[in-house]
Amino acid sequence: MCEIAFTDAGPGIPDDVRDKVFTPFFTTKSRGSGLGLPTAKRFVEAHNGQIAIDCPPQGGTTVVVRIPMSAS
């Protein structure tokens, strides 16, 4: 598997919001469409991969994308 992690040092994502971030059209932004993360998840899963979000208690958010390496 190839693993890529994106991390920030912000306040994190509240649990009730984190449960919905991959739901199409769900957004917490006034101008967001709510399609970014659901589209990313569908793309990753279409390639037999996984995408996960972790928000540790001390803050920050990490999004991890795992995609199988191709056999050449």
PDB file of N, CA and C in Angstrom:
ATOM      1  N   MET A   1       0.844  -1.182   0.000  1.00  0.00           N
ATOM      2  CA  MET A   1       0.000   0.000   0.000  1.00  0.00           C
ATOM      3  C   MET A   1       0.888   1.244   0.000  1.00  0.00           C
ATOM      4  N   CYS A   2       0.430   2.235  -0.687  1.00  0.00           N
ATOM      5  CA  CYS A   2       1.048   3.557  -0.650  1.00  0.00           C
ATOM      6  C   CYS A   2       0.192   4.390   0.294  1.00  0.00           C
ATOM      7  N   GLU A   3       0.826   5.032   1.272  1.00  0.00           N
ATOM      8  CA  GLU A   3       0.083   5.811   2.258  1.00  0.00           C
ATOM      9  C   GLU A   3       0.534   7.265   2.209  1.00  0.00           C
ATOM     10  N   ILE A   4      -0.445   8.154   2.133  1.00  0.00           N
ATOM     11  CA  ILE A   4      -0.188   9.585   2.143  1.00  0.00           C
ATOM     12  C   ILE A   4      -1.023  10.182   3.269  1.00  0.00           C
ATOM     13  N   ALA A   5      -0.384  10.979   4.119  1.00  0.00           N
ATOM     14  CA  ALA A   5      -1.092  11.601   5.243  1.00  0.00           C
ATOM     15  C   ALA A   5      -0.998  13.115   5.126  1.00  0.00           C
ATOM     16  N   PHE A   6      -2.123  13.771   5.322  1.00  0.00           N
ATOM     17  CA  PHE A   6      -2.202  15.229   5.331  1.00  0.00           C
ATOM     18  C   PHE A   6      -2.564  15.633   6.760  1.00  0.00           C
ATOM     19  N   THR A   7      -1.754  16.490   7.367  1.00  0.00           N
ATOM     20  CA  THR A   7      -1.968  16.864   8.761  1.00  0.00           C
ATOM     21  C   THR A   7      -1.992  18.371   8.912  1.00  0.00           C
ATOM     22  N   ASP A   8      -2.872  18.848   9.785  1.00  0.00           N
ATOM     23  CA  ASP A   8      -2.852  20.269  10.134  1.00  0.00           C
ATOM     24  C   ASP A   8      -2.851  20.405  11.651  1.00  0.00           C
ATOM     25  N   ALA A   9      -2.668  21.610  12.123  1.00  0.00           N
ATOM     26  CA  ALA A   9      -2.584  21.867  13.558  1.00  0.00           C
ATOM     27  C   ALA A   9      -3.771  22.695  14.039  1.00  0.00           C
ATOM     28  N   GLY A  10      -4.873  22.614  13.330  1.00  0.00           N
ATOM     29  CA  GLY A  10      -6.067  23.377  13.696  1.00  0.00           C
ATOM     30  C   GLY A  10      -6.775  22.779  14.895  1.00  0.00           C
ATOM     31  N   PRO A  11      -8.007  23.211  15.132  1.00  0.00           N
ATOM     32  CA  PRO A  11      -8.748  22.747  16.310  1.00  0.00           C
ATOM     33  C   PRO A  11      -9.296  21.323  16.185  1.00  0.00           C
ATOM     34  N   GLY A  12      -9.214  20.733  15.013  1.00  0.00           N
ATOM     35  CA  GLY A  12      -9.780  19.402  14.808  1.00  0.00           C
ATOM     36  C   GLY A  12     -11.212  19.490  14.320  1.00  0.00           C
ATOM     37  N   ILE A  13     -11.810  18.341  14.098  1.00  0.00           N
ATOM     38  CA  ILE A  13     -13.190  18.266  13.621  1.00  0.00           C
ATOM     39  C   ILE A  13     -14.026  17.623  14.727  1.00  0.00           C
ATOM     40  N   PRO A  14     -15.082  18.286  15.160  1.00  0.00           N
ATOM     41  CA  PRO A  14     -15.926  17.703  16.210  1.00  0.00           C
ATOM     42  C   PRO A  14     -16.480  16.341  15.789  1.00  0.00           C
ATOM     43  N   ASP A  15     -16.672  15.462  16.771  1.00  0.00           N
ATOM     44  CA  ASP A  15     -17.150  14.102  16.490  1.00  0.00           C
ATOM     45  C   ASP A  15     -18.433  14.077  15.669  1.00  0.00           C
ATOM     46  N   ASP A  16     -19.403  14.940  15.992  1.00  0.00           N
ATOM     47  CA  ASP A  16     -20.687  14.912  15.286  1.00  0.00           C
ATOM     48  C   ASP A  16     -20.525  15.335  13.829  1.00  0.00           C
ATOM     49  N   VAL A  17     -19.561  16.189  13.543  1.00  0.00           N
ATOM     50  CA  VAL A  17     -19.294  16.605  12.162  1.00  0.00           C
ATOM     51  C   VAL A  17     -18.472  15.531  11.453  1.00  0.00           C
ATOM     52  N   ARG A  18     -17.496  14.959  12.140  1.00  0.00           N
ATOM     53  CA  ARG A  18     -16.621  13.946  11.547  1.00  0.00           C
ATOM     54  C   ARG A  18     -17.419  12.758  11.032  1.00  0.00           C
ATOM     55  N   ASP A  19     -18.512  12.429  11.708  1.00  0.00           N
ATOM     56  CA  ASP A  19     -19.354  11.304  11.277  1.00  0.00           C
ATOM     57  C   ASP A  19     -20.061  11.581   9.952  1.00  0.00           C
ATOM     58  N   LYS A  20     -20.098  12.849   9.522  1.00  0.00           N
ATOM     59  CA  LYS A  20     -20.856  13.222   8.323  1.00  0.00           C
ATOM     60  C   LYS A  20     -19.998  13.720   7.169  1.00  0.00           C
ATOM     61  N   VAL A  21     -18.703  13.880   7.351  1.00  0.00           N
ATOM     62  CA  VAL A  21     -17.882  14.554   6.331  1.00  0.00           C
ATOM     63  C   VAL A  21     -17.851  13.846   4.982  1.00  0.00           C
ATOM     64  N   PHE A  22     -18.122  12.545   4.957  1.00  0.00           N
ATOM     65  CA  PHE A  22     -18.126  11.830   3.684  1.00  0.00           C
ATOM     66  C   PHE A  22     -19.534  11.718   3.093  1.00  0.00           C
ATOM     67  N   THR A  23     -20.509  12.385   3.700  1.00  0.00           N
ATOM     68  CA  THR A  23     -21.887  12.390   3.200  1.00  0.00           C
ATOM     69  C   THR A  23     -22.022  13.467   2.118  1.00  0.00           C
ATOM     70  N   PRO A  24     -22.472  13.080   0.921  1.00  0.00           N
ATOM     71  CA  PRO A  24     -22.626  14.082  -0.144  1.00  0.00           C
ATOM     72  C   PRO A  24     -23.527  15.240   0.273  1.00  0.00           C
ATOM     73  N   PHE A  25     -23.092  16.420  -0.069  1.00  0.00           N
ATOM     74  CA  PHE A  25     -23.796  17.687   0.165  1.00  0.00           C
ATOM     75  C   PHE A  25     -23.765  18.159   1.624  1.00  0.00           C
ATOM     76  N   PHE A  26     -23.091  17.432   2.505  1.00  0.00           N
ATOM     77  CA  PHE A  26     -22.925  17.925   3.876  1.00  0.00           C
ATOM     78  C   PHE A  26     -21.754  18.904   3.887  1.00  0.00           C
ATOM     79  N   THR A  27     -21.973  20.073   4.441  1.00  0.00           N
ATOM     80  CA  THR A  27     -20.905  21.065   4.550  1.00  0.00           C
ATOM     81  C   THR A  27     -21.128  21.934   5.778  1.00  0.00           C
ATOM     82  N   THR A  28     -20.050  22.465   6.290  1.00  0.00           N
ATOM     83  CA  THR A  28     -20.124  23.424   7.397  1.00  0.00           C
ATOM     84  C   THR A  28     -19.765  24.817   6.901  1.00  0.00           C
ATOM     85  N   LYS A  29     -19.534  24.946   5.594  1.00  0.00           N
ATOM     86  CA  LYS A  29     -19.115  26.217   5.008  1.00  0.00           C
ATOM     87  C   LYS A  29     -20.286  26.888   4.292  1.00  0.00           C
ATOM     88  N   SER A  30     -20.291  28.208   4.301  1.00  0.00           N
ATOM     89  CA  SER A  30     -21.382  28.935   3.652  1.00  0.00           C
ATOM     90  C   SER A  30     -21.342  28.793   2.129  1.00  0.00           C
ATOM     91  N   ARG A  31     -20.152  28.576   1.569  1.00  0.00           N
ATOM     92  CA  ARG A  31     -20.046  28.469   0.111  1.00  0.00           C
ATOM     93  C   ARG A  31     -19.593  27.090  -0.345  1.00  0.00           C
ATOM     94  N   GLY A  32     -19.582  26.116   0.533  1.00  0.00           N
ATOM     95  CA  GLY A  32     -19.145  24.777   0.155  1.00  0.00           C
ATOM     96  C   GLY A  32     -20.255  23.980  -0.502  1.00  0.00           C
ATOM     97  N   SER A  33     -19.870  23.068  -1.384  1.00  0.00           N
ATOM     98  CA  SER A  33     -20.868  22.216  -2.037  1.00  0.00           C
ATOM     99  C   SER A  33     -21.087  20.911  -1.268  1.00  0.00           C
ATOM    100  N   GLY A  34     -20.122  20.534  -0.428  1.00  0.00           N
ATOM    101  CA  GLY A  34     -20.234  19.269   0.285  1.00  0.00           C
ATOM    102  C   GLY A  34     -19.907  18.075  -0.577  1.00  0.00           C
ATOM    103  N   LEU A  35     -19.194  18.299  -1.671  1.00  0.00           N
ATOM    104  CA  LEU A  35     -18.874  17.187  -2.575  1.00  0.00           C
ATOM    105  C   LEU A  35     -17.390  16.826  -2.591  1.00  0.00           C
ATOM    106  N   GLY A  36     -16.540  17.620  -1.963  1.00  0.00           N
ATOM    107  CA  GLY A  36     -15.094  17.368  -2.012  1.00  0.00           C
ATOM    108  C   GLY A  36     -14.682  16.048  -1.390  1.00  0.00           C
ATOM    109  N   LEU A  37     -14.948  15.857  -0.115  1.00  0.00           N
ATOM    110  CA  LEU A  37     -14.549  14.619   0.557  1.00  0.00           C
ATOM    111  C   LEU A  37     -15.330  13.402   0.070  1.00  0.00           C
ATOM    112  N   PRO A  38     -16.639  13.517  -0.199  1.00  0.00           N
ATOM    113  CA  PRO A  38     -17.330  12.344  -0.759  1.00  0.00           C
ATOM    114  C   PRO A  38     -16.746  11.922  -2.120  1.00  0.00           C
ATOM    115  N   THR A  39     -16.362  12.887  -2.939  1.00  0.00           N
ATOM    116  CA  THR A  39     -15.754  12.570  -4.236  1.00  0.00           C
ATOM    117  C   THR A  39     -14.396  11.922  -4.040  1.00  0.00           C
ATOM    118  N   ALA A  40     -13.606  12.456  -3.115  1.00  0.00           N
ATOM    119  CA  ALA A  40     -12.290  11.877  -2.825  1.00  0.00           C
ATOM    120  C   ALA A  40     -12.445  10.437  -2.335  1.00  0.00           C
ATOM    121  N   LYS A  41     -13.417  10.199  -1.465  1.00  0.00           N
ATOM    122  CA  LYS A  41     -13.632   8.849  -0.943  1.00  0.00           C
ATOM    123  C   LYS A  41     -14.027   7.881  -2.058  1.00  0.00           C
ATOM    124  N   ARG A  42     -14.919   8.305  -2.927  1.00  0.00           N
ATOM    125  CA  ARG A  42     -15.330   7.429  -4.035  1.00  0.00           C
ATOM    126  C   ARG A  42     -14.158   7.114  -4.951  1.00  0.00           C
ATOM    127  N   PHE A  43     -13.325   8.124  -5.222  1.00  0.00           N
ATOM    128  CA  PHE A  43     -12.153   7.929  -6.079  1.00  0.00           C
ATOM    129  C   PHE A  43     -11.178   6.937  -5.446  1.00  0.00           C
ATOM    130  N   VAL A  44     -10.874   7.144  -4.173  1.00  0.00           N
ATOM    131  CA  VAL A  44      -9.937   6.270  -3.470  1.00  0.00           C
ATOM    132  C   VAL A  44     -10.480   4.844  -3.407  1.00  0.00           C
ATOM    133  N   GLU A  45     -11.746   4.694  -3.039  1.00  0.00           N
ATOM    134  CA  GLU A  45     -12.333   3.359  -2.947  1.00  0.00           C
ATOM    135  C   GLU A  45     -12.456   2.679  -4.309  1.00  0.00           C
ATOM    136  N   ALA A  46     -12.636   3.449  -5.378  1.00  0.00           N
ATOM    137  CA  ALA A  46     -12.684   2.873  -6.731  1.00  0.00           C
ATOM    138  C   ALA A  46     -11.347   2.261  -7.123  1.00  0.00           C
ATOM    139  N   HIS A  47     -10.290   2.694  -6.439  1.00  0.00           N
ATOM    140  CA  HIS A  47      -8.954   2.153  -6.683  1.00  0.00           C
ATOM    141  C   HIS A  47      -8.537   1.195  -5.562  1.00  0.00           C
ATOM    142  N   ASN A  48      -9.546   0.611  -4.901  1.00  0.00           N
ATOM    143  CA  ASN A  48      -9.343  -0.354  -3.814  1.00  0.00           C
ATOM    144  C   ASN A  48      -8.526   0.208  -2.656  1.00  0.00           C
ATOM    145  N   GLY A  49      -8.704   1.492  -2.402  1.00  0.00           N
ATOM    146  CA  GLY A  49      -7.995   2.140  -1.310  1.00  0.00           C
ATOM    147  C   GLY A  49      -8.925   2.495  -0.167  1.00  0.00           C
ATOM    148  N   GLN A  50      -8.348   3.200   0.790  1.00  0.00           N
ATOM    149  CA  GLN A  50      -9.084   3.617   1.981  1.00  0.00           C
ATOM    150  C   GLN A  50      -8.729   5.065   2.289  1.00  0.00           C
ATOM    151  N   ILE A  51      -9.657   5.788   2.867  1.00  0.00           N
ATOM    152  CA  ILE A  51      -9.417   7.148   3.337  1.00  0.00           C
ATOM    153  C   ILE A  51      -9.999   7.236   4.742  1.00  0.00           C
ATOM    154  N   ALA A  52      -9.234   7.833   5.653  1.00  0.00           N
ATOM    155  CA  ALA A  52      -9.681   7.930   7.046  1.00  0.00           C
ATOM    156  C   ALA A  52      -9.278   9.283   7.612  1.00  0.00           C
ATOM    157  N   ILE A  53     -10.061   9.736   8.585  1.00  0.00           N
ATOM    158  CA  ILE A  53      -9.791  11.008   9.256  1.00  0.00           C
ATOM    159  C   ILE A  53      -9.611  10.738  10.742  1.00  0.00           C
ATOM    160  N   ASP A  54      -8.550  11.320  11.298  1.00  0.00           N
ATOM    161  CA  ASP A  54      -8.285  11.196  12.724  1.00  0.00           C
ATOM    162  C   ASP A  54      -8.094  12.580  13.320  1.00  0.00           C
ATOM    163  N   CYS A  55      -8.699  12.814  14.465  1.00  0.00           N
ATOM    164  CA  CYS A  55      -8.566  14.081  15.193  1.00  0.00           C
ATOM    165  C   CYS A  55      -8.207  13.752  16.634  1.00  0.00           C
ATOM    166  N   PRO A  56      -6.914  13.796  16.967  1.00  0.00           N
ATOM    167  CA  PRO A  56      -6.523  13.482  18.346  1.00  0.00           C
ATOM    168  C   PRO A  56      -7.040  14.527  19.333  1.00  0.00           C
ATOM    169  N   PRO A  57      -7.167  14.163  20.601  1.00  0.00           N
ATOM    170  CA  PRO A  57      -7.713  15.078  21.614  1.00  0.00           C
ATOM    171  C   PRO A  57      -6.933  16.393  21.737  1.00  0.00           C
ATOM    172  N   GLN A  58      -5.630  16.371  21.460  1.00  0.00           N
ATOM    173  CA  GLN A  58      -4.830  17.585  21.590  1.00  0.00           C
ATOM    174  C   GLN A  58      -5.025  18.556  20.426  1.00  0.00           C
ATOM    175  N   GLY A  59      -5.816  18.188  19.437  1.00  0.00           N
ATOM    176  CA  GLY A  59      -6.114  19.071  18.311  1.00  0.00           C
ATOM    177  C   GLY A  59      -5.449  18.622  17.028  1.00  0.00           C
ATOM    178  N   GLY A  60      -5.804  19.289  15.957  1.00  0.00           N
ATOM    179  CA  GLY A  60      -5.281  18.930  14.650  1.00  0.00           C
ATOM    180  C   GLY A  60      -6.139  17.866  13.989  1.00  0.00           C
ATOM    181  N   THR A  61      -5.910  17.698  12.710  1.00  0.00           N
ATOM    182  CA  THR A  61      -6.616  16.686  11.927  1.00  0.00           C
ATOM    183  C   THR A  61      -5.627  16.022  10.998  1.00  0.00           C
ATOM    184  N   THR A  62      -5.741  14.711  10.859  1.00  0.00           N
ATOM    185  CA  THR A  62      -4.930  13.969   9.900  1.00  0.00           C
ATOM    186  C   THR A  62      -5.863  13.180   8.995  1.00  0.00           C
ATOM    187  N   VAL A  63      -5.692  13.365   7.700  1.00  0.00           N
ATOM    188  CA  VAL A  63      -6.419  12.579   6.707  1.00  0.00           C
ATOM    189  C   VAL A  63      -5.405  11.632   6.084  1.00  0.00           C
ATOM    190  N   VAL A  64      -5.690  10.336   6.148  1.00  0.00           N
ATOM    191  CA  VAL A  64      -4.783   9.320   5.613  1.00  0.00           C
ATOM    192  C   VAL A  64      -5.449   8.643   4.420  1.00  0.00           C
ATOM    193  N   VAL A  65      -4.718   8.602   3.313  1.00  0.00           N
ATOM    194  CA  VAL A  65      -5.179   7.933   2.098  1.00  0.00           C
ATOM    195  C   VAL A  65      -4.238   6.759   1.843  1.00  0.00           C
ATOM    196  N   ARG A  66      -4.816   5.568   1.691  1.00  0.00           N
ATOM    197  CA  ARG A  66      -4.033   4.362   1.389  1.00  0.00           C
ATOM    198  C   ARG A  66      -4.546   3.789   0.066  1.00  0.00           C
ATOM    199  N   ILE A  67      -3.609   3.614  -0.862  1.00  0.00           N
ATOM    200  CA  ILE A  67      -3.953   3.071  -2.175  1.00  0.00           C
ATOM    201  C   ILE A  67      -2.974   1.948  -2.489  1.00  0.00           C
ATOM    202  N   PRO A  68      -3.485   0.812  -2.997  1.00  0.00           N
ATOM    203  CA  PRO A  68      -2.580  -0.296  -3.328  1.00  0.00           C
ATOM    204  C   PRO A  68      -1.571   0.122  -4.396  1.00  0.00           C
ATOM    205  N   MET A  69      -0.361  -0.362  -4.242  1.00  0.00           N
ATOM    206  CA  MET A  69       0.665  -0.138  -5.265  1.00  0.00           C
ATOM    207  C   MET A  69       0.366  -1.112  -6.413  1.00  0.00           C
ATOM    208  N   SER A  70       0.577  -0.663  -7.617  1.00  0.00           N
ATOM    209  CA  SER A  70       0.313  -1.542  -8.763  1.00  0.00           C
ATOM    210  C   SER A  70       1.460  -2.543  -8.908  1.00  0.00           C
ATOM    211  N   ALA A  71       1.103  -3.717  -9.341  1.00  0.00           N
ATOM    212  CA  ALA A  71       2.120  -4.740  -9.606  1.00  0.00           C
ATOM    213  C   ALA A  71       2.604  -4.565 -11.031  1.00  0.00           C
ATOM    214  N   SER A  72       3.876  -4.308 -11.190  1.00  0.00           N
ATOM    215  CA  SER A  72       4.437  -4.105 -12.535  1.00  0.00           C
ATOM    216  C   SER A  72       5.321  -5.242 -12.921  1.00  0.00           C
TER     217      SER A  72
END
